[in-house]
C-alpha atoms as a PDB file:
ATOM      1  CA  MET A   1     -47.317  88.399-119.290  1.00  0.00           C
ATOM      2  CA  VAL A   2     -46.115  89.066-115.720  1.00  0.00           C
ATOM      3  CA  ILE A   3     -48.878  89.353-113.094  1.00  0.00           C
ATOM      4  CA  PRO A   4     -48.686  92.571-110.997  1.00  0.00           C
ATOM      5  CA  ARG A   5     -46.987  91.873-107.666  1.00  0.00           C
ATOM      6  CA  ARG A   6     -49.936  93.131-105.551  1.00  0.00           C
ATOM      7  CA  CYS A   7     -52.261  90.645-107.249  1.00  0.00           C
ATOM      8  CA  ARG A   8     -49.702  87.862-107.009  1.00  0.00           C
ATOM      9  CA  VAL A   9     -49.259  88.354-103.283  1.00  0.00           C
ATOM     10  CA  ALA A  10     -53.012  88.479-102.648  1.00  0.00           C
ATOM     11  CA  SER A  11     -53.710  85.318-104.632  1.00  0.00           C
ATOM     12  CA  LEU A  12     -50.745  83.555-103.044  1.00  0.00           C
ATOM     13  CA  THR A  13     -52.021  84.389 -99.565  1.00  0.00           C
ATOM     14  CA  VAL A  14     -55.485  83.037-100.360  1.00  0.00           C
ATOM     15  CA  VAL A  15     -54.133  79.774-101.765  1.00  0.00           C
ATOM     16  CA  LEU A  16     -51.698  79.207 -98.912  1.00  0.00           C
ATOM     17  CA  THR A  17     -54.374  79.956 -96.314  1.00  0.00           C
ATOM     18  CA  SER A  18     -56.627  77.386 -97.951  1.00  0.00           C
ATOM     19  CA  LEU A  19     -53.893  74.777 -98.052  1.00  0.00           C
ATOM     20  CA  LEU A  20     -52.880  75.296 -94.444  1.00  0.00           C
ATOM     21  CA  ALA A  21     -56.473  75.178 -93.241  1.00  0.00           C
ATOM     22  CA  CYS A  22     -56.990  71.679 -94.606  1.00  0.00           C
ATOM     23  CA  ALA A  23     -53.629  70.297 -93.536  1.00  0.00           C
ATOM     24  CA  GLY A  24     -53.537  67.758 -90.733  1.00  0.00           C
ATOM     25  CA  PRO A  25     -50.624  66.106 -88.945  1.00  0.00           C
ATOM     26  CA  ALA A  26     -47.397  65.547 -90.859  1.00  0.00           C
ATOM     27  CA  PRO A  27     -47.718  62.622 -93.299  1.00  0.00           C
ATOM     28  CA  VAL A  28     -46.259  59.320 -92.187  1.00  0.00           C
ATOM     29  CA  PRO A  29     -43.668  57.920 -94.646  1.00  0.00           C
ATOM     30  CA  ASP A  30     -45.080  55.036 -96.645  1.00  0.00           C
ATOM     31  CA  ALA A  31     -43.028  53.365 -99.365  1.00  0.00           C
ATOM     32  CA  ALA A  32     -46.193  52.954-101.445  1.00  0.00           C
ATOM     33  CA  GLN A  33     -47.171  56.629-101.499  1.00  0.00           C
ATOM     34  CA  PRO A  34     -45.796  59.591-103.439  1.00  0.00           C
ATOM     35  CA  VAL A  35     -44.085  62.393-101.552  1.00  0.00           C
ATOM     36  CA  ALA A  36     -43.190  65.975-102.452  1.00  0.00           C
ATOM     37  CA  ILE A  37     -41.137  68.431-100.410  1.00  0.00           C
ATOM     38  CA  ALA A  38     -40.304  72.048-101.254  1.00  0.00           C
ATOM     39  CA  THR A  39     -38.603  75.079 -99.759  1.00  0.00           C
ATOM     40  CA  TRP A  40     -40.463  77.939 -98.022  1.00  0.00           C
ATOM     41  CA  PRO A  41     -44.196  78.466 -97.422  1.00  0.00           C
ATOM     42  CA  PHE A  42     -44.768  79.273-101.099  1.00  0.00           C
ATOM     43  CA  GLY A  43     -43.472  75.757-101.742  1.00  0.00           C
ATOM     44  CA  ALA A  44     -46.955  74.579-100.717  1.00  0.00           C
ATOM     45  CA  LEU A  45     -48.156  75.791-104.112  1.00  0.00           C
ATOM     46  CA  ALA A  46     -45.557  73.568-105.774  1.00  0.00           C
ATOM     47  CA  THR A  47     -46.130  70.482-103.620  1.00  0.00           C
ATOM     48  CA  GLU A  48     -49.893  70.729-104.054  1.00  0.00           C
ATOM     49  CA  ARG A  49     -49.579  70.977-107.818  1.00  0.00           C
ATOM     50  CA  ALA A  50     -47.094  68.092-107.791  1.00  0.00           C
ATOM     51  CA  ARG A  51     -49.590  66.026-105.798  1.00  0.00           C
ATOM     52  CA  GLU A  52     -52.280  66.722-108.393  1.00  0.00           C
ATOM     53  CA  VAL A  53     -49.990  65.760-111.270  1.00  0.00           C
ATOM     54  CA  LEU A  54     -49.031  62.484-109.616  1.00  0.00           C
ATOM     55  CA  ALA A  55     -52.668  61.691-108.822  1.00  0.00           C
ATOM     56  CA  GLY A  56     -53.468  62.250-112.494  1.00  0.00           C
ATOM     57  CA  GLY A  57     -50.895  59.710-113.629  1.00  0.00           C
ATOM     58  CA  GLY A  58     -47.965  62.038-114.295  1.00  0.00           C
ATOM     59  CA  SER A  59     -44.342  61.136-113.668  1.00  0.00           C
ATOM     60  CA  ALA A  60     -42.174  62.527-110.890  1.00  0.00           C
ATOM     61  CA  LEU A  61     -40.485  64.702-113.526  1.00  0.00           C
ATOM     62  CA  ASP A  62     -43.838  66.074-114.714  1.00  0.00           C
ATOM     63  CA  ALA A  63     -44.768  66.834-111.116  1.00  0.00           C
ATOM     64  CA  VAL A  64     -41.538  68.752-110.565  1.00  0.00           C
ATOM     65  CA  GLU A  65     -41.892  70.860-113.696  1.00  0.00           C
ATOM     66  CA  GLN A  66     -45.551  71.645-113.181  1.00  0.00           C
ATOM     67  CA  GLY A  67     -45.138  72.359-109.486  1.00  0.00           C
ATOM     68  CA  ILE A  68     -42.323  74.839-110.056  1.00  0.00           C
ATOM     69  CA  ARG A  69     -44.156  76.491-112.942  1.00  0.00           C
ATOM     70  CA  VAL A  70     -46.909  77.512-110.502  1.00  0.00           C
ATOM     71  CA  VAL A  71     -44.385  79.295-108.305  1.00  0.00           C
ATOM     72  CA  GLU A  72     -42.650  80.906-111.295  1.00  0.00           C
ATOM     73  CA  ALA A  73     -45.970  82.228-112.585  1.00  0.00           C
ATOM     74  CA  ALA A  74     -46.761  83.739-109.181  1.00  0.00           C
ATOM     75  CA  SER A  75     -43.235  85.159-108.816  1.00  0.00           C
ATOM     76  CA  SER A  76     -43.568  83.943-105.248  1.00  0.00           C
ATOM     77  CA  ASP A  77     -41.959  86.020-102.520  1.00  0.00           C
ATOM     78  CA  GLY A  78     -40.333  88.160-105.190  1.00  0.00           C
ATOM     79  CA  SER A  79     -37.698  85.434-105.448  1.00  0.00           C
ATOM     80  CA  VAL A  80     -38.728  83.317-108.427  1.00  0.00           C
ATOM     81  CA  GLY A  81     -39.687  84.082-112.017  1.00  0.00           C
ATOM     82  CA  LEU A  82     -39.742  87.322-113.961  1.00  0.00           C
ATOM     83  CA  GLY A  83     -41.304  89.165-111.032  1.00  0.00           C
ATOM     84  CA  GLY A  84     -38.333  88.237-108.869  1.00  0.00           C
ATOM     85  CA  ARG A  85     -35.576  90.424-107.512  1.00  0.00           C
ATOM     86  CA  PRO A  86     -33.664  92.405-110.143  1.00  0.00           C
ATOM     87  CA  ASN A  87     -29.901  92.434-110.423  1.00  0.00           C
ATOM     88  CA  ALA A  88     -27.752  95.522-109.827  1.00  0.00           C
ATOM     89  CA  ALA A  89     -28.599  96.840-113.299  1.00  0.00           C
ATOM     90  CA  GLY A  90     -32.329  96.650-112.589  1.00  0.00           C
ATOM     91  CA  TYR A  91     -33.574  93.602-114.469  1.00  0.00           C
ATOM     92  CA  PRO A  92     -34.049  89.898-113.596  1.00  0.00           C
ATOM     93  CA  GLN A  93     -31.762  87.129-114.774  1.00  0.00           C
ATOM     94  CA  LEU A  94     -33.164  83.703-113.979  1.00  0.00           C
ATOM     95  CA  ASP A  95     -31.579  80.363-113.102  1.00  0.00           C
ATOM     96  CA  ALA A  96     -33.125  76.883-113.036  1.00  0.00           C
ATOM     97  CA  CYS A  97     -32.272  73.215-113.251  1.00  0.00           C
ATOM     98  CA  ILE A  98     -34.144  69.930-113.336  1.00  0.00           C
ATOM     99  CA  MET A  99     -32.949  66.380-112.725  1.00  0.00           C
ATOM    100  CA  ASP A 100     -34.612  63.055-113.437  1.00  0.00           C
ATOM    101  CA  GLY A 101     -33.572  60.107-111.315  1.00  0.00           C
ATOM    102  CA  PRO A 102     -34.118  57.381-113.930  1.00  0.00           C
ATOM    103  CA  GLY A 103     -31.172  57.656-116.311  1.00  0.00           C
ATOM    104  CA  HIS A 104     -29.542  60.382-114.193  1.00  0.00           C
ATOM    105  CA  ARG A 105     -30.578  62.980-116.745  1.00  0.00           C
ATOM    106  CA  ALA A 106     -30.378  66.715-116.118  1.00  0.00           C
ATOM    107  CA  GLY A 107     -30.847  70.110-117.736  1.00  0.00           C
ATOM    108  CA  SER A 108     -30.014  73.631-116.609  1.00  0.00           C
ATOM    109  CA  VAL A 109     -30.221  77.276-117.661  1.00  0.00           C
ATOM    110  CA  ALA A 110     -28.500  80.239-116.046  1.00  0.00           C
ATOM    111  CA  GLY A 111     -28.565  84.008-116.443  1.00  0.00           C
ATOM    112  CA  VAL A 112     -31.496  83.738-118.837  1.00  0.00           C
ATOM    113  CA  GLU A 113     -33.569  86.838-119.600  1.00  0.00           C
ATOM    114  CA  GLY A 114     -37.248  87.163-120.521  1.00  0.00           C
ATOM    115  CA  ILE A 115     -38.176  83.481-120.138  1.00  0.00           C
ATOM    116  CA  VAL A 116     -41.395  83.001-118.175  1.00  0.00           C
ATOM    117  CA  HIS A 117     -40.702  79.406-117.109  1.00  0.00           C
ATOM    118  CA  PRO A 118     -36.978  78.698-116.811  1.00  0.00           C
ATOM    119  CA  ILE A 119     -37.765  75.281-115.296  1.00  0.00           C
ATOM    120  CA  SER A 120     -39.367  74.290-118.613  1.00  0.00           C
ATOM    121  CA  ALA A 121     -36.359  75.679-120.484  1.00  0.00           C
ATOM    122  CA  ALA A 122     -34.138  73.481-118.314  1.00  0.00           C
ATOM    123  CA  ARG A 123     -36.264  70.433-119.130  1.00  0.00           C
ATOM    124  CA  ARG A 124     -36.019  71.235-122.847  1.00  0.00           C
ATOM    125  CA  VAL A 125     -32.221  71.386-122.532  1.00  0.00           C
ATOM    126  CA  MET A 126     -32.303  67.948-120.918  1.00  0.00           C
ATOM    127  CA  GLU A 127     -34.657  66.355-123.411  1.00  0.00           C
ATOM    128  CA  ASP A 128     -34.036  68.231-126.680  1.00  0.00           C
ATOM    129  CA  SER A 129     -30.283  68.825-126.714  1.00  0.00           C
ATOM    130  CA  LYS A 130     -27.012  66.976-126.210  1.00  0.00           C
ATOM    131  CA  HIS A 131     -26.051  69.429-123.464  1.00  0.00           C
ATOM    132  CA  VAL A 132     -26.731  69.762-119.757  1.00  0.00           C
ATOM    133  CA  MET A 133     -26.417  73.531-119.295  1.00  0.00           C
ATOM    134  CA  LEU A 134     -27.055  76.620-121.409  1.00  0.00           C
ATOM    135  CA  VAL A 135     -26.539  80.213-120.264  1.00  0.00           C
ATOM    136  CA  GLY A 136     -27.493  83.775-121.146  1.00  0.00           C
ATOM    137  CA  GLU A 137     -28.464  84.661-124.660  1.00  0.00           C
ATOM    138  CA  GLY A 138     -27.987  81.120-125.930  1.00  0.00           C
ATOM    139  CA  ALA A 139     -30.333  79.759-123.289  1.00  0.00           C
ATOM    140  CA  ARG A 140     -32.971  82.316-124.304  1.00  0.00           C
ATOM    141  CA  TRP A 141     -32.637  81.471-128.007  1.00  0.00           C
ATOM    142  CA  PHE A 142     -32.935  77.765-127.300  1.00  0.00           C
ATOM    143  CA  ALA A 143     -35.942  78.159-125.013  1.00  0.00           C
ATOM    144  CA  ILE A 144     -37.838  80.290-127.529  1.00  0.00           C
ATOM    145  CA  GLU A 145     -37.030  77.875-130.340  1.00  0.00           C
ATOM    146  CA  ARG A 146     -38.442  75.037-128.226  1.00  0.00           C
ATOM    147  CA  GLY A 147     -41.661  76.951-127.557  1.00  0.00           C
ATOM    148  CA  VAL A 148     -41.059  78.045-123.975  1.00  0.00           C
ATOM    149  CA  GLU A 149     -43.101  81.164-123.175  1.00  0.00           C
ATOM    150  CA  SER A 150     -41.139  84.420-123.304  1.00  0.00           C
ATOM    151  CA  VAL A 151     -41.580  88.185-123.038  1.00  0.00           C
ATOM    152  CA  THR A 152     -39.822  90.934-124.930  1.00  0.00           C
ATOM    153  CA  ILE A 153     -36.511  92.183-123.580  1.00  0.00           C
ATOM    154  CA  ASP A 154     -36.284  95.274-125.790  1.00  0.00           C
ATOM    155  CA  ASP A 155     -35.926  97.515-122.740  1.00  0.00           C
ATOM    156  CA  LEU A 156     -32.931  95.684-121.313  1.00  0.00           C
ATOM    157  CA  ALA A 157     -30.316  97.202-123.635  1.00  0.00           C
ATOM    158  CA  ALA A 158     -31.010 100.682-122.271  1.00  0.00           C
ATOM    159  CA  LYS A 159     -30.901  99.422-118.660  1.00  0.00           C
ATOM    160  CA  LYS A 160     -27.583  97.685-119.247  1.00  0.00           C
ATOM    161  CA  ARG A 161     -26.090 100.751-120.924  1.00  0.00           C
ATOM    162  CA  ALA A 162     -27.273 103.065-118.147  1.00  0.00           C
ATOM    163  CA  TRP A 163     -25.792 100.837-115.457  1.00  0.00           C
ATOM    164  CA  VAL A 164     -22.415 100.550-117.185  1.00  0.00           C
ATOM    165  CA  GLU A 165     -22.265 104.295-117.821  1.00  0.00           C
ATOM    166  CA  GLY A 166     -23.216 105.037-114.226  1.00  0.00           C
ATOM    167  CA  ALA A 167     -20.562 102.679-112.941  1.00  0.00           C
ATOM    168  CA  ALA A 168     -17.937 104.259-115.165  1.00  0.00           C
ATOM    169  CA  ALA A 169     -18.871 107.719-113.910  1.00  0.00           C
ATOM    170  CA  ARG A 170     -18.180 106.510-110.364  1.00  0.00           C
ATOM    171  CA  GLY A 171     -14.864 104.980-111.247  1.00  0.00           C
ATOM    172  CA  GLY A 172     -16.279 101.500-111.595  1.00  0.00           C
ATOM    173  CA  ARG A 173     -17.208 101.333-107.922  1.00  0.00           C
ATOM    174  CA  ALA A 174     -20.841 100.445-108.664  1.00  0.00           C
ATOM    175  CA  ILE A 175     -19.663  97.312-110.426  1.00  0.00           C
ATOM    176  CA  HIS A 176     -17.210  96.488-107.683  1.00  0.00           C
ATOM    177  CA  ASP A 177     -19.642  97.069-104.836  1.00  0.00           C
ATOM    178  CA  ALA A 178     -22.708  95.365-106.282  1.00  0.00           C
ATOM    179  CA  PHE A 179     -23.298  92.227-104.271  1.00  0.00           C
ATOM    180  CA  PRO A 180     -26.269  90.079-103.270  1.00  0.00           C
ATOM    181  CA  GLY A 181     -27.969  91.817-100.400  1.00  0.00           C
ATOM    182  CA  ASP A 182     -31.706  91.951-101.002  1.00  0.00           C
ATOM    183  CA  GLY A 183     -32.962  88.433-100.328  1.00  0.00           C
ATOM    184  CA  HIS A 184     -32.098  85.121-101.884  1.00  0.00           C
ATOM    185  CA  ASP A 185     -34.953  82.617-101.732  1.00  0.00           C
ATOM    186  CA  THR A 186     -35.368  79.710-104.131  1.00  0.00           C
ATOM    187  CA  ILE A 187     -38.028  77.159-104.962  1.00  0.00           C
ATOM    188  CA  ALA A 188     -36.447  73.730-104.704  1.00  0.00           C
ATOM    189  CA  LEU A 189     -38.898  70.856-105.192  1.00  0.00           C
ATOM    190  CA  LEU A 190     -38.157  67.148-104.694  1.00  0.00           C
ATOM    191  CA  VAL A 191     -40.644  64.460-105.700  1.00  0.00           C
ATOM    192  CA  ARG A 192     -40.860  60.723-105.106  1.00  0.00           C
ATOM    193  CA  HIS A 193     -43.371  58.858-107.277  1.00  0.00           C
ATOM    194  CA  ALA A 194     -45.318  55.952-105.778  1.00  0.00           C
ATOM    195  CA  ASP A 195     -43.215  53.645-107.971  1.00  0.00           C
ATOM    196  CA  GLY A 196     -40.094  54.887-106.182  1.00  0.00           C
ATOM    197  CA  THR A 197     -38.650  57.043-108.964  1.00  0.00           C
ATOM    198  CA  LEU A 198     -37.269  60.433-107.998  1.00  0.00           C
ATOM    199  CA  ALA A 199     -36.958  63.865-109.609  1.00  0.00           C
ATOM    200  CA  GLY A 200     -36.134  67.378-108.511  1.00  0.00           C
ATOM    201  CA  GLY A 201     -35.889  70.945-109.696  1.00  0.00           C
ATOM    202  CA  CYS A 202     -34.818  74.461-108.665  1.00  0.00           C
ATOM    203  CA  SER A 203     -35.787  77.895-109.942  1.00  0.00           C
ATOM    204  CA  THR A 204     -34.851  81.397-108.802  1.00  0.00           C
ATOM    205  CA  SER A 205     -34.297  84.983-109.815  1.00  0.00           C
ATOM    206  CA  GLY A 206     -31.189  84.829-107.670  1.00  0.00           C
ATOM    207  CA  ALA A 207     -29.958  87.227-105.043  1.00  0.00           C
ATOM    208  CA  GLY A 208     -31.207  90.771-105.303  1.00  0.00           C
ATOM    209  CA  ASN A 209     -28.635  93.348-106.466  1.00  0.00           C
ATOM    210  CA  LYS A 210     -26.323  90.629-107.801  1.00  0.00           C
ATOM    211  CA  LEU A 211     -23.821  91.532-110.481  1.00  0.00           C
ATOM    212  CA  PRO A 212     -25.260  90.921-113.956  1.00  0.00           C
ATOM    213  CA  GLY A 213     -24.024  87.485-114.950  1.00  0.00           C
ATOM    214  CA  ARG A 214     -23.773  86.210-111.374  1.00  0.00           C
ATOM    215  CA  VAL A 215     -24.904  82.589-111.073  1.00  0.00           C
ATOM    216  CA  GLY A 216     -25.676  81.034-107.713  1.00  0.00           C
ATOM    217  CA  ASP A 217     -26.113  77.448-106.642  1.00  0.00           C
ATOM    218  CA  SER A 218     -29.634  76.884-107.995  1.00  0.00           C
ATOM    219  CA  PRO A 219     -28.771  75.800-111.558  1.00  0.00           C
ATOM    220  CA  ILE A 220     -25.591  73.959-110.520  1.00  0.00           C
ATOM    221  CA  LEU A 221     -26.073  70.208-110.221  1.00  0.00           C
ATOM    222  CA  GLY A 222     -24.650  68.911-106.966  1.00  0.00           C
ATOM    223  CA  SER A 223     -24.963  72.337-105.351  1.00  0.00           C
ATOM    224  CA  GLY A 224     -28.532  73.643-105.458  1.00  0.00           C
ATOM    225  CA  LEU A 225     -29.953  70.265-106.496  1.00  0.00           C
ATOM    226  CA  TYR A 226     -28.930  66.649-106.775  1.00  0.00           C
ATOM    227  CA  VAL A 227     -30.950  63.510-107.480  1.00  0.00           C
ATOM    228  CA  ASP A 228     -29.759  59.904-107.369  1.00  0.00           C
ATOM    229  CA  ASP A 229     -32.511  57.416-108.115  1.00  0.00           C
ATOM    230  CA  GLU A 230     -30.837  54.712-106.032  1.00  0.00           C
ATOM    231  CA  VAL A 231     -30.632  56.848-102.901  1.00  0.00           C
ATOM    232  CA  GLY A 232     -32.555  60.112-102.725  1.00  0.00           C
ATOM    233  CA  ALA A 233     -32.531  63.802-103.558  1.00  0.00           C
ATOM    234  CA  ALA A 234     -31.548  67.077-101.919  1.00  0.00           C
ATOM    235  CA  GLY A 235     -32.103  70.762-102.604  1.00  0.00           C
ATOM    236  CA  ALA A 236     -30.865  74.042-101.190  1.00  0.00           C
ATOM    237  CA  THR A 237     -31.986  77.617-100.668  1.00  0.00           C
ATOM    238  CA  GLY A 238     -30.245  80.661 -99.259  1.00  0.00           C
ATOM    239  CA  LEU A 239     -27.027  82.413-100.201  1.00  0.00           C
ATOM    240  CA  GLY A 240     -25.725  80.435-103.162  1.00  0.00           C
ATOM    241  CA  GLU A 241     -22.077  81.274-102.600  1.00  0.00           C
ATOM    242  CA  ASN A 242     -22.284  79.384 -99.300  1.00  0.00           C
ATOM    243  CA  VAL A 243     -23.814  76.312-100.953  1.00  0.00           C
ATOM    244  CA  MET A 244     -21.912  75.885-104.195  1.00  0.00           C
ATOM    245  CA  ARG A 245     -18.450  75.953-102.609  1.00  0.00           C
ATOM    246  CA  TRP A 246     -19.322  72.739-100.771  1.00  0.00           C
ATOM    247  CA  CYS A 247     -21.308  70.786-103.394  1.00  0.00           C
ATOM    248  CA  ALA A 248     -23.830  70.595-100.589  1.00  0.00           C
ATOM    249  CA  SER A 249     -26.758  68.750-102.163  1.00  0.00           C
ATOM    250  CA  PHE A 250     -24.446  66.059-103.561  1.00  0.00           C
ATOM    251  CA  LEU A 251     -22.919  65.639-100.124  1.00  0.00           C
ATOM    252  CA  ILE A 252     -26.331  65.254 -98.491  1.00  0.00           C
ATOM    253  CA  VAL A 253     -27.246  62.495-100.950  1.00  0.00           C
ATOM    254  CA  GLU A 254     -23.944  60.719-100.377  1.00  0.00           C
ATOM    255  CA  LEU A 255     -24.519  60.775 -96.615  1.00  0.00           C
ATOM    256  CA  MET A 256     -27.945  59.231 -97.214  1.00  0.00           C
ATOM    257  CA  ARG A 257     -26.215  56.583 -99.323  1.00  0.00           C
ATOM    258  CA  SER A 258     -24.110  55.721 -96.284  1.00  0.00           C
ATOM    259  CA  GLY A 259     -27.295  55.110 -94.300  1.00  0.00           C
ATOM    260  CA  MET A 260     -28.131  58.488 -92.770  1.00  0.00           C
ATOM    261  CA  HIS A 261     -31.733  59.606 -92.414  1.00  0.00           C
ATOM    262  CA  PRO A 262     -32.454  62.694 -94.602  1.00  0.00           C
ATOM    263  CA  GLN A 263     -32.796  64.865 -91.506  1.00  0.00           C
ATOM    264  CA  ALA A 264     -29.445  63.790 -90.098  1.00  0.00           C
ATOM    265  CA  ALA A 265     -27.784  64.222 -93.497  1.00  0.00           C
ATOM    266  CA  CYS A 266     -29.005  67.828 -93.847  1.00  0.00           C
ATOM    267  CA  GLU A 267     -27.805  68.666 -90.352  1.00  0.00           C
ATOM    268  CA  GLU A 268     -24.427  66.994 -90.798  1.00  0.00           C
ATOM    269  CA  VAL A 269     -23.664  68.997 -93.929  1.00  0.00           C
ATOM    270  CA  LEU A 270     -24.435  72.240 -92.108  1.00  0.00           C
ATOM    271  CA  HIS A 271     -22.131  71.210 -89.258  1.00  0.00           C
ATOM    272  CA  ARG A 272     -19.391  70.279 -91.701  1.00  0.00           C
ATOM    273  CA  ILE A 273     -19.569  73.629 -93.496  1.00  0.00           C
ATOM    274  CA  ALA A 274     -19.721  75.589 -90.239  1.00  0.00           C
ATOM    275  CA  ARG A 275     -16.624  73.848 -88.876  1.00  0.00           C
ATOM    276  CA  ALA A 276     -14.549  75.085 -91.805  1.00  0.00           C
ATOM    277  CA  ASP A 277     -16.150  78.407 -92.706  1.00  0.00           C
ATOM    278  CA  PRO A 278     -14.939  81.520 -90.846  1.00  0.00           C
ATOM    279  CA  ARG A 279     -18.575  82.628 -90.536  1.00  0.00           C
ATOM    280  CA  GLY A 280     -19.452  79.509 -88.619  1.00  0.00           C
ATOM    281  CA  TYR A 281     -23.206  78.986 -88.697  1.00  0.00           C
ATOM    282  CA  GLN A 282     -23.948  82.482 -90.075  1.00  0.00           C
ATOM    283  CA  LEU A 283     -24.335  80.983 -93.523  1.00  0.00           C
ATOM    284  CA  ASP A 284     -27.925  81.846 -94.515  1.00  0.00           C
ATOM    285  CA  VAL A 285     -28.347  78.336 -95.908  1.00  0.00           C
ATOM    286  CA  CYS A 286     -31.217  75.832 -95.689  1.00  0.00           C
ATOM    287  CA  PHE A 287     -31.552  72.299 -97.052  1.00  0.00           C
ATOM    288  CA  ILE A 288     -34.325  69.821 -97.816  1.00  0.00           C
ATOM    289  CA  ALA A 289     -33.896  66.124 -98.561  1.00  0.00           C
ATOM    290  CA  LEU A 290     -35.976  63.119 -99.585  1.00  0.00           C
ATOM    291  CA  ASP A 291     -34.833  59.518 -99.684  1.00  0.00           C
ATOM    292  CA  LYS A 292     -35.868  56.478-101.683  1.00  0.00           C
ATOM    293  CA  GLN A 293     -38.192  55.321 -98.898  1.00  0.00           C
ATOM    294  CA  GLY A 294     -40.090  58.615 -98.862  1.00  0.00           C
ATOM    295  CA  ARG A 295     -38.541  59.940 -95.650  1.00  0.00           C
ATOM    296  CA  THR A 296     -37.899  63.697 -95.554  1.00  0.00           C
ATOM    297  CA  GLY A 297     -35.580  66.097 -93.766  1.00  0.00           C
ATOM    298  CA  ALA A 298     -34.872  69.817 -93.523  1.00  0.00           C
ATOM    299  CA  ALA A 299     -32.313  71.950 -91.720  1.00  0.00           C
ATOM    300  CA  ALA A 300     -31.297  75.614 -91.499  1.00  0.00           C
ATOM    301  CA  SER A 301     -28.035  77.226 -90.445  1.00  0.00           C
ATOM    302  CA  ASN A 302     -29.134  80.338 -88.563  1.00  0.00           C
ATOM    303  CA  GLN A 303     -32.868  80.940 -88.942  1.00  0.00           C
ATOM    304  CA  GLY A 304     -36.214  79.214 -88.631  1.00  0.00           C
ATOM    305  CA  PHE A 305     -36.935  77.478 -91.934  1.00  0.00           C
ATOM    306  CA  PRO A 306     -40.503  76.822 -93.128  1.00  0.00           C
ATOM    307  CA  TYR A 307     -40.905  74.195 -95.841  1.00  0.00           C
ATOM    308  CA  ALA A 308     -43.808  72.341 -97.474  1.00  0.00           C
ATOM    309  CA  VAL A 309     -44.548  68.613 -97.599  1.00  0.00           C
ATOM    310  CA  ALA A 310     -47.318  66.703 -99.365  1.00  0.00           C
ATOM    311  CA  SER A 311     -48.221  63.074 -99.943  1.00  0.00           C
ATOM    312  CA  ARG A 312     -51.651  61.708-100.759  1.00  0.00           C
ATOM    313  CA  ARG A 313     -52.814  64.281 -98.224  1.00  0.00           C
ATOM    314  CA  PRO A 314     -52.883  68.044 -98.887  1.00  0.00           C
ATOM    315  CA  SER A 315     -49.761  70.153 -98.543  1.00  0.00           C
ATOM    316  CA  GLU A 316     -48.628  71.189 -95.093  1.00  0.00           C
ATOM    317  CA  VAL A 317     -46.101  73.839 -94.097  1.00  0.00           C
ATOM    318  CA  LEU A 318     -43.713  72.726 -91.356  1.00  0.00           C
ATOM    319  CA  THR A 319     -40.886  74.665 -89.706  1.00  0.00           C
ATOM    320  CA  VAL A 320     -37.507  73.631 -88.325  1.00  0.00           C
ATOM    321  CA  PRO A 321     -35.581  75.898 -85.921  1.00  0.00           C
ATOM    322  CA  PRO A 322     -31.967  76.872 -86.591  1.00  0.00           C
ATOM    323  CA  ILE A 323     -29.654  73.935 -86.198  1.00  0.00           C
ATOM    324  CA  THR A 324     -28.293  73.261 -82.720  1.00  0.00           C
ATOM    325  CA  ARG A 325     -24.645  74.218 -82.799  1.00  0.00           C
ATOM    326  CA  ARG A 326     -21.996  71.704 -81.883  1.00  0.00           C
END
């Protein structure tokens, strides 16, 4: 069951207000404490849930799944879950991935319809199959078979048919012109357990008005998310086409491997992309990162970027300004 958007927004506002009211100064990195970092203000819901899971004895992977499930259930900011932004044909297609540092395991689903928690579907792919990624109808079948909550999609056939017929009546221009243009937020959540193990996950409904079948960076390992248990983890949000062409999260982790602080690594990747891209810094891209020591970083190409951080203390929403151009 999908919660009405008005109720979701009201409950989200109450929870975030409560979290922000009890937040103090930014947590000081401590190698003995767990850390969670997530994209956007609604990420505070995910980091707080992750903190609770870790405090209850759960693994970093459990904390990632459960934290993202909270945001999916709330369809936060109209960007995640079944209440997220519809594609050009008027219905949501969801993407998600999850990665576990120990063993370098990963699972992903893309373009999946009618699945309430795609992050759990991604975990099932990782743990219950020999594959890493499933898409579309096959991903839905697999998720339902593994007990992941779903809703009926009986109405989608008519929506698809109407969109195709409408496009044909306009000479196919509706198909040609449909392009992401109505927001593109993502929940990316990175978690470091007190024992030093790392995990991460992403979930999104993708860019609004995308072509049916369009897949962004969020379910692509090394683009929207990458975790290396020896080094750290990174996640992305924003316009996926400007992330996936650069394998951005993988690059951030590799810069941390070379000794960069997570903050410097996020900024350097933005500079590197901007130097080569004709759009320069007008990329609509933001990154978060977390290293093995529990240090965090965040950077944004051309906007202020609020993100959430939690440790043993309650979640806090911080903001970084757009990156200083070189």
